[in-house]
Amino acid sequence: MNASLIVAAAIAIQDTILKHEADLESLDRAIGDGDHYINMKRGAGAIVDMQQELSTLSADAALNKIGMKLLSTI
C-alpha cells in the first residue's frame, strides 16, 4: 500500500460524506448533539487538503501525519 491509495480513499470518503449530508445530520441529531457530521466533514476535508503532501510519503508516514492532523482539526 502506498500513500496514493490512502489519498484516493480519503477523497472517496469525503465525497460519500458530502453526498449523504442530510442523512448523516438527521441521524446525528437523533442520537447525539448534531456535531458529528460537521466533524466528519472537517476531518475528511483536512485530509483531502493534505493530498499533495501525503503523496510523497510512505503509507505508514502518511497515516501518522493524517492521525496527527485529525487530532488537531476535530
PDB file of N, CA and C in Angstrom:
ATOM      1  N   MET A   1       0.857  -1.184   0.000  1.00  0.00           N
ATOM      2  CA  MET A   1       0.000   0.000   0.000  1.00  0.00           C
ATOM      3  C   MET A   1       0.894   1.235   0.000  1.00  0.00           C
ATOM      4  N   ASN A   2       0.470   2.233  -0.750  1.00  0.00           N
ATOM      5  CA  ASN A   2       1.200   3.487  -0.725  1.00  0.00           C
ATOM      6  C   ASN A   2       0.243   4.638  -0.415  1.00  0.00           C
ATOM      7  N   ALA A   3       0.815   5.812  -0.278  1.00  0.00           N
ATOM      8  CA  ALA A   3       0.012   6.964   0.134  1.00  0.00           C
ATOM      9  C   ALA A   3      -1.025   7.355  -0.914  1.00  0.00           C
ATOM     10  N   SER A   4      -0.788   7.051  -2.183  1.00  0.00           N
ATOM     11  CA  SER A   4      -1.776   7.427  -3.203  1.00  0.00           C
ATOM     12  C   SER A   4      -3.096   6.684  -2.999  1.00  0.00           C
ATOM     13  N   LEU A   5      -3.031   5.459  -2.534  1.00  0.00           N
ATOM     14  CA  LEU A   5      -4.248   4.706  -2.220  1.00  0.00           C
ATOM     15  C   LEU A   5      -4.978   5.334  -1.028  1.00  0.00           C
ATOM     16  N   ILE A   6      -4.228   5.784  -0.052  1.00  0.00           N
ATOM     17  CA  ILE A   6      -4.812   6.436   1.125  1.00  0.00           C
ATOM     18  C   ILE A   6      -5.497   7.738   0.715  1.00  0.00           C
ATOM     19  N   VAL A   7      -4.851   8.509  -0.143  1.00  0.00           N
ATOM     20  CA  VAL A   7      -5.437   9.764  -0.629  1.00  0.00           C
ATOM     21  C   VAL A   7      -6.711   9.481  -1.420  1.00  0.00           C
ATOM     22  N   ALA A   8      -6.687   8.474  -2.284  1.00  0.00           N
ATOM     23  CA  ALA A   8      -7.879   8.118  -3.062  1.00  0.00           C
ATOM     24  C   ALA A   8      -9.022   7.709  -2.137  1.00  0.00           C
ATOM     25  N   ALA A   9      -8.709   6.967  -1.087  1.00  0.00           N
ATOM     26  CA  ALA A   9      -9.735   6.565  -0.122  1.00  0.00           C
ATOM     27  C   ALA A   9     -10.296   7.787   0.599  1.00  0.00           C
ATOM     28  N   ALA A  10      -9.436   8.722   0.977  1.00  0.00           N
ATOM     29  CA  ALA A  10      -9.893   9.936   1.663  1.00  0.00           C
ATOM     30  C   ALA A  10     -10.819  10.756   0.775  1.00  0.00           C
ATOM     31  N   ILE A  11     -10.501  10.841  -0.508  1.00  0.00           N
ATOM     32  CA  ILE A  11     -11.356  11.573  -1.444  1.00  0.00           C
ATOM     33  C   ILE A  11     -12.712  10.883  -1.568  1.00  0.00           C
ATOM     34  N   ALA A  12     -12.701   9.561  -1.660  1.00  0.00           N
ATOM     35  CA  ALA A  12     -13.964   8.808  -1.751  1.00  0.00           C
ATOM     36  C   ALA A  12     -14.791   8.969  -0.478  1.00  0.00           C
ATOM     37  N   ILE A  13     -14.132   8.966   0.665  1.00  0.00           N
ATOM     38  CA  ILE A  13     -14.830   9.154   1.942  1.00  0.00           C
ATOM     39  C   ILE A  13     -15.456  10.544   1.995  1.00  0.00           C
ATOM     40  N   GLN A  14     -14.685  11.561   1.615  1.00  0.00           N
ATOM     41  CA  GLN A  14     -15.224  12.921   1.620  1.00  0.00           C
ATOM     42  C   GLN A  14     -16.425  13.029   0.679  1.00  0.00           C
ATOM     43  N   ASP A  15     -16.310  12.466  -0.514  1.00  0.00           N
ATOM     44  CA  ASP A  15     -17.425  12.509  -1.466  1.00  0.00           C
ATOM     45  C   ASP A  15     -18.676  11.849  -0.889  1.00  0.00           C
ATOM     46  N   THR A  16     -18.498  10.720  -0.218  1.00  0.00           N
ATOM     47  CA  THR A  16     -19.631  10.000   0.373  1.00  0.00           C
ATOM     48  C   THR A  16     -20.257  10.802   1.509  1.00  0.00           C
ATOM     49  N   ILE A  17     -19.429  11.394   2.343  1.00  0.00           N
ATOM     50  CA  ILE A  17     -19.936  12.220   3.441  1.00  0.00           C
ATOM     51  C   ILE A  17     -20.765  13.377   2.887  1.00  0.00           C
ATOM     52  N   LEU A  18     -20.233  14.060   1.885  1.00  0.00           N
ATOM     53  CA  LEU A  18     -20.946  15.202   1.304  1.00  0.00           C
ATOM     54  C   LEU A  18     -22.224  14.769   0.591  1.00  0.00           C
ATOM     55  N   LYS A  19     -22.182  13.629  -0.069  1.00  0.00           N
ATOM     56  CA  LYS A  19     -23.348  13.125  -0.797  1.00  0.00           C
ATOM     57  C   LYS A  19     -24.493  12.782   0.154  1.00  0.00           C
ATOM     58  N   HIS A  20     -24.176  12.349   1.358  1.00  0.00           N
ATOM     59  CA  HIS A  20     -25.193  11.903   2.312  1.00  0.00           C
ATOM     60  C   HIS A  20     -25.339  12.860   3.497  1.00  0.00           C
ATOM     61  N   GLU A  21     -25.076  14.122   3.248  1.00  0.00           N
ATOM     62  CA  GLU A  21     -25.114  15.139   4.302  1.00  0.00           C
ATOM     63  C   GLU A  21     -26.427  15.124   5.085  1.00  0.00           C
ATOM     64  N   ALA A  22     -27.541  15.169   4.398  1.00  0.00           N
ATOM     65  CA  ALA A  22     -28.841  15.249   5.079  1.00  0.00           C
ATOM     66  C   ALA A  22     -29.088  14.023   5.948  1.00  0.00           C
ATOM     67  N   ASP A  23     -28.779  12.845   5.430  1.00  0.00           N
ATOM     68  CA  ASP A  23     -28.976  11.617   6.209  1.00  0.00           C
ATOM     69  C   ASP A  23     -28.088  11.591   7.447  1.00  0.00           C
ATOM     70  N   LEU A  24     -26.817  11.945   7.276  1.00  0.00           N
ATOM     71  CA  LEU A  24     -25.882  11.924   8.402  1.00  0.00           C
ATOM     72  C   LEU A  24     -26.274  12.938   9.472  1.00  0.00           C
ATOM     73  N   GLU A  25     -26.674  14.134   9.042  1.00  0.00           N
ATOM     74  CA  GLU A  25     -27.102  15.147  10.009  1.00  0.00           C
ATOM     75  C   GLU A  25     -28.355  14.701  10.754  1.00  0.00           C
ATOM     76  N   SER A  26     -29.290  14.097  10.050  1.00  0.00           N
ATOM     77  CA  SER A  26     -30.524  13.619  10.673  1.00  0.00           C
ATOM     78  C   SER A  26     -30.231  12.539  11.710  1.00  0.00           C
ATOM     79  N   LEU A  27     -29.398  11.582  11.351  1.00  0.00           N
ATOM     80  CA  LEU A  27     -29.027  10.527  12.302  1.00  0.00           C
ATOM     81  C   LEU A  27     -28.303  11.104  13.507  1.00  0.00           C
ATOM     82  N   ASP A  28     -27.411  12.045  13.267  1.00  0.00           N
ATOM     83  CA  ASP A  28     -26.654  12.634  14.365  1.00  0.00           C
ATOM     84  C   ASP A  28     -27.557  13.414  15.312  1.00  0.00           C
ATOM     85  N   ARG A  29     -28.513  14.144  14.773  1.00  0.00           N
ATOM     86  CA  ARG A  29     -29.448  14.877  15.641  1.00  0.00           C
ATOM     87  C   ARG A  29     -30.283  13.913  16.477  1.00  0.00           C
ATOM     88  N   ALA A  30     -30.629  12.763  15.905  1.00  0.00           N
ATOM     89  CA  ALA A  30     -31.471  11.795  16.616  1.00  0.00           C
ATOM     90  C   ALA A  30     -30.729  11.111  17.757  1.00  0.00           C
ATOM     91  N   ILE A  31     -29.428  10.913  17.604  1.00  0.00           N
ATOM     92  CA  ILE A  31     -28.691  10.146  18.623  1.00  0.00           C
ATOM     93  C   ILE A  31     -27.597  10.933  19.325  1.00  0.00           C
ATOM     94  N   GLY A  32     -27.389  12.175  18.922  1.00  0.00           N
ATOM     95  CA  GLY A  32     -26.306  12.946  19.523  1.00  0.00           C
ATOM     96  C   GLY A  32     -26.640  14.415  19.572  1.00  0.00           C
ATOM     97  N   ASP A  33     -25.591  15.215  19.555  1.00  0.00           N
ATOM     98  CA  ASP A  33     -25.794  16.655  19.670  1.00  0.00           C
ATOM     99  C   ASP A  33     -25.682  17.389  18.335  1.00  0.00           C
ATOM    100  N   GLY A  34     -25.566  16.653  17.242  1.00  0.00           N
ATOM    101  CA  GLY A  34     -25.591  17.269  15.928  1.00  0.00           C
ATOM    102  C   GLY A  34     -24.262  17.751  15.399  1.00  0.00           C
ATOM    103  N   ASP A  35     -23.158  17.442  16.076  1.00  0.00           N
ATOM    104  CA  ASP A  35     -21.874  17.933  15.585  1.00  0.00           C
ATOM    105  C   ASP A  35     -21.015  16.862  14.919  1.00  0.00           C
ATOM    106  N   HIS A  36     -21.451  15.614  14.936  1.00  0.00           N
ATOM    107  CA  HIS A  36     -20.634  14.538  14.371  1.00  0.00           C
ATOM    108  C   HIS A  36     -20.452  14.721  12.865  1.00  0.00           C
ATOM    109  N   TYR A  37     -21.505  15.075  12.153  1.00  0.00           N
ATOM    110  CA  TYR A  37     -21.388  15.306  10.711  1.00  0.00           C
ATOM    111  C   TYR A  37     -20.375  16.409  10.429  1.00  0.00           C
ATOM    112  N   ILE A  38     -20.457  17.486  11.177  1.00  0.00           N
ATOM    113  CA  ILE A  38     -19.536  18.608  10.982  1.00  0.00           C
ATOM    114  C   ILE A  38     -18.098  18.149  11.171  1.00  0.00           C
ATOM    115  N   ASN A  39     -17.856  17.341  12.196  1.00  0.00           N
ATOM    116  CA  ASN A  39     -16.504  16.850  12.447  1.00  0.00           C
ATOM    117  C   ASN A  39     -16.041  15.871  11.373  1.00  0.00           C
ATOM    118  N   MET A  40     -16.932  15.017  10.877  1.00  0.00           N
ATOM    119  CA  MET A  40     -16.560  14.107   9.788  1.00  0.00           C
ATOM    120  C   MET A  40     -16.192  14.909   8.539  1.00  0.00           C
ATOM    121  N   LYS A  41     -16.991  15.911   8.232  1.00  0.00           N
ATOM    122  CA  LYS A  41     -16.748  16.754   7.061  1.00  0.00           C
ATOM    123  C   LYS A  41     -15.435  17.526   7.218  1.00  0.00           C
ATOM    124  N   ARG A  42     -15.211  18.078   8.382  1.00  0.00           N
ATOM    125  CA  ARG A  42     -13.989  18.835   8.650  1.00  0.00           C
ATOM    126  C   ARG A  42     -12.756  17.929   8.554  1.00  0.00           C
ATOM    127  N   GLY A  43     -12.832  16.754   9.155  1.00  0.00           N
ATOM    128  CA  GLY A  43     -11.701  15.828   9.130  1.00  0.00           C
ATOM    129  C   GLY A  43     -11.389  15.329   7.732  1.00  0.00           C
ATOM    130  N   ALA A  44     -12.412  14.930   6.993  1.00  0.00           N
ATOM    131  CA  ALA A  44     -12.197  14.444   5.628  1.00  0.00           C
ATOM    132  C   ALA A  44     -11.622  15.550   4.748  1.00  0.00           C
ATOM    133  N   GLY A  45     -12.129  16.750   4.915  1.00  0.00           N
ATOM    134  CA  GLY A  45     -11.613  17.881   4.139  1.00  0.00           C
ATOM    135  C   GLY A  45     -10.157  18.178   4.447  1.00  0.00           C
ATOM    136  N   ALA A  46      -9.793  18.071   5.711  1.00  0.00           N
ATOM    137  CA  ALA A  46      -8.404  18.314   6.106  1.00  0.00           C
ATOM    138  C   ALA A  46      -7.471  17.293   5.463  1.00  0.00           C
ATOM    139  N   ILE A  47      -7.911  16.042   5.406  1.00  0.00           N
ATOM    140  CA  ILE A  47      -7.087  15.001   4.787  1.00  0.00           C
ATOM    141  C   ILE A  47      -6.954  15.251   3.288  1.00  0.00           C
ATOM    142  N   VAL A  48      -8.054  15.560   2.631  1.00  0.00           N
ATOM    143  CA  VAL A  48      -8.009  15.826   1.189  1.00  0.00           C
ATOM    144  C   VAL A  48      -7.113  17.032   0.904  1.00  0.00           C
ATOM    145  N   ASP A  49      -7.159  18.038   1.760  1.00  0.00           N
ATOM    146  CA  ASP A  49      -6.307  19.213   1.582  1.00  0.00           C
ATOM    147  C   ASP A  49      -4.823  18.873   1.689  1.00  0.00           C
ATOM    148  N   MET A  50      -4.500  17.757   2.335  1.00  0.00           N
ATOM    149  CA  MET A  50      -3.110  17.333   2.516  1.00  0.00           C
ATOM    150  C   MET A  50      -2.616  16.441   1.382  1.00  0.00           C
ATOM    151  N   GLN A  51      -3.418  16.195   0.372  1.00  0.00           N
ATOM    152  CA  GLN A  51      -3.083  15.161  -0.604  1.00  0.00           C
ATOM    153  C   GLN A  51      -1.746  15.364  -1.291  1.00  0.00           C
ATOM    154  N   GLN A  52      -1.366  16.576  -1.598  1.00  0.00           N
ATOM    155  CA  GLN A  52      -0.073  16.791  -2.246  1.00  0.00           C
ATOM    156  C   GLN A  52       1.068  16.414  -1.299  1.00  0.00           C
ATOM    157  N   GLU A  53       0.968  16.824  -0.056  1.00  0.00           N
ATOM    158  CA  GLU A  53       1.984  16.487   0.941  1.00  0.00           C
ATOM    159  C   GLU A  53       2.031  14.981   1.190  1.00  0.00           C
ATOM    160  N   LEU A  54       0.877  14.351   1.284  1.00  0.00           N
ATOM    161  CA  LEU A  54       0.817  12.920   1.570  1.00  0.00           C
ATOM    162  C   LEU A  54       1.374  12.082   0.430  1.00  0.00           C
ATOM    163  N   SER A  55       1.244  12.556  -0.789  1.00  0.00           N
ATOM    164  CA  SER A  55       1.654  11.760  -1.950  1.00  0.00           C
ATOM    165  C   SER A  55       3.147  11.464  -1.971  1.00  0.00           C
ATOM    166  N   THR A  56       3.928  12.218  -1.226  1.00  0.00           N
ATOM    167  CA  THR A  56       5.377  11.994  -1.199  1.00  0.00           C
ATOM    168  C   THR A  56       5.807  11.068  -0.069  1.00  0.00           C
ATOM    169  N   LEU A  57       4.867  10.632   0.769  1.00  0.00           N
ATOM    170  CA  LEU A  57       5.198   9.851   1.959  1.00  0.00           C
ATOM    171  C   LEU A  57       4.919   8.368   1.764  1.00  0.00           C
ATOM    172  N   SER A  58       5.563   7.566   2.593  1.00  0.00           N
ATOM    173  CA  SER A  58       5.216   6.145   2.657  1.00  0.00           C
ATOM    174  C   SER A  58       3.851   6.031   3.328  1.00  0.00           C
ATOM    175  N   ALA A  59       3.231   4.876   3.196  1.00  0.00           N
ATOM    176  CA  ALA A  59       1.895   4.689   3.769  1.00  0.00           C
ATOM    177  C   ALA A  59       1.903   4.896   5.276  1.00  0.00           C
ATOM    178  N   ASP A  60       2.890   4.338   5.981  1.00  0.00           N
ATOM    179  CA  ASP A  60       2.897   4.485   7.437  1.00  0.00           C
ATOM    180  C   ASP A  60       3.121   5.932   7.851  1.00  0.00           C
ATOM    181  N   ALA A  61       3.979   6.643   7.145  1.00  0.00           N
ATOM    182  CA  ALA A  61       4.203   8.056   7.459  1.00  0.00           C
ATOM    183  C   ALA A  61       2.958   8.884   7.137  1.00  0.00           C
ATOM    184  N   ALA A  62       2.291   8.548   6.041  1.00  0.00           N
ATOM    185  CA  ALA A  62       1.070   9.270   5.672  1.00  0.00           C
ATOM    186  C   ALA A  62      -0.021   9.063   6.715  1.00  0.00           C
ATOM    187  N   LEU A  63      -0.207   7.825   7.159  1.00  0.00           N
ATOM    188  CA  LEU A  63      -1.231   7.550   8.175  1.00  0.00           C
ATOM    189  C   LEU A  63      -0.912   8.248   9.490  1.00  0.00           C
ATOM    190  N   ASN A  64       0.353   8.294   9.855  1.00  0.00           N
ATOM    191  CA  ASN A  64       0.751   9.003  11.074  1.00  0.00           C
ATOM    192  C   ASN A  64       0.435  10.491  10.945  1.00  0.00           C
ATOM    193  N   LYS A  65       0.771  11.081   9.802  1.00  0.00           N
ATOM    194  CA  LYS A  65       0.507  12.506   9.587  1.00  0.00           C
ATOM    195  C   LYS A  65      -0.996  12.786   9.583  1.00  0.00           C
ATOM    196  N   ILE A  66      -1.775  11.883   8.986  1.00  0.00           N
ATOM    197  CA  ILE A  66      -3.231  12.026   8.977  1.00  0.00           C
ATOM    198  C   ILE A  66      -3.775  11.988  10.401  1.00  0.00           C
ATOM    199  N   GLY A  67      -3.299  11.048  11.190  1.00  0.00           N
ATOM    200  CA  GLY A  67      -3.748  10.946  12.580  1.00  0.00           C
ATOM    201  C   GLY A  67      -3.478  12.215  13.364  1.00  0.00           C
ATOM    202  N   MET A  68      -2.282  12.757  13.198  1.00  0.00           N
ATOM    203  CA  MET A  68      -1.937  13.992  13.901  1.00  0.00           C
ATOM    204  C   MET A  68      -2.812  15.160  13.421  1.00  0.00           C
ATOM    205  N   LYS A  69      -3.080  15.205  12.122  1.00  0.00           N
ATOM    206  CA  LYS A  69      -3.921  16.276  11.570  1.00  0.00           C
ATOM    207  C   LYS A  69      -5.349  16.172  12.102  1.00  0.00           C
ATOM    208  N   LEU A  70      -5.879  14.949  12.155  1.00  0.00           N
ATOM    209  CA  LEU A  70      -7.239  14.772  12.669  1.00  0.00           C
ATOM    210  C   LEU A  70      -7.334  15.177  14.134  1.00  0.00           C
ATOM    211  N   LEU A  71      -6.326  14.830  14.916  1.00  0.00           N
ATOM    212  CA  LEU A  71      -6.334  15.217  16.332  1.00  0.00           C
ATOM    213  C   LEU A  71      -6.347  16.732  16.503  1.00  0.00           C
ATOM    214  N   SER A  72      -5.673  17.434  15.617  1.00  0.00           N
ATOM    215  CA  SER A  72      -5.610  18.893  15.752  1.00  0.00           C
ATOM    216  C   SER A  72      -6.758  19.613  15.043  1.00  0.00           C
ATOM    217  N   THR A  73      -7.526  18.878  14.232  1.00  0.00           N
ATOM    218  CA  THR A  73      -8.577  19.510  13.427  1.00  0.00           C
ATOM    219  C   THR A  73      -9.970  19.324  14.010  1.00  0.00           C
ATOM    220  N   ILE A  74     -10.235  18.141  14.595  1.00  0.00           N
ATOM    221  CA  ILE A  74     -11.603  17.882  15.058  1.00  0.00           C
ATOM    222  C   ILE A  74     -11.688  17.719  16.553  1.00  0.00           C
TER     223      ILE A  74
END
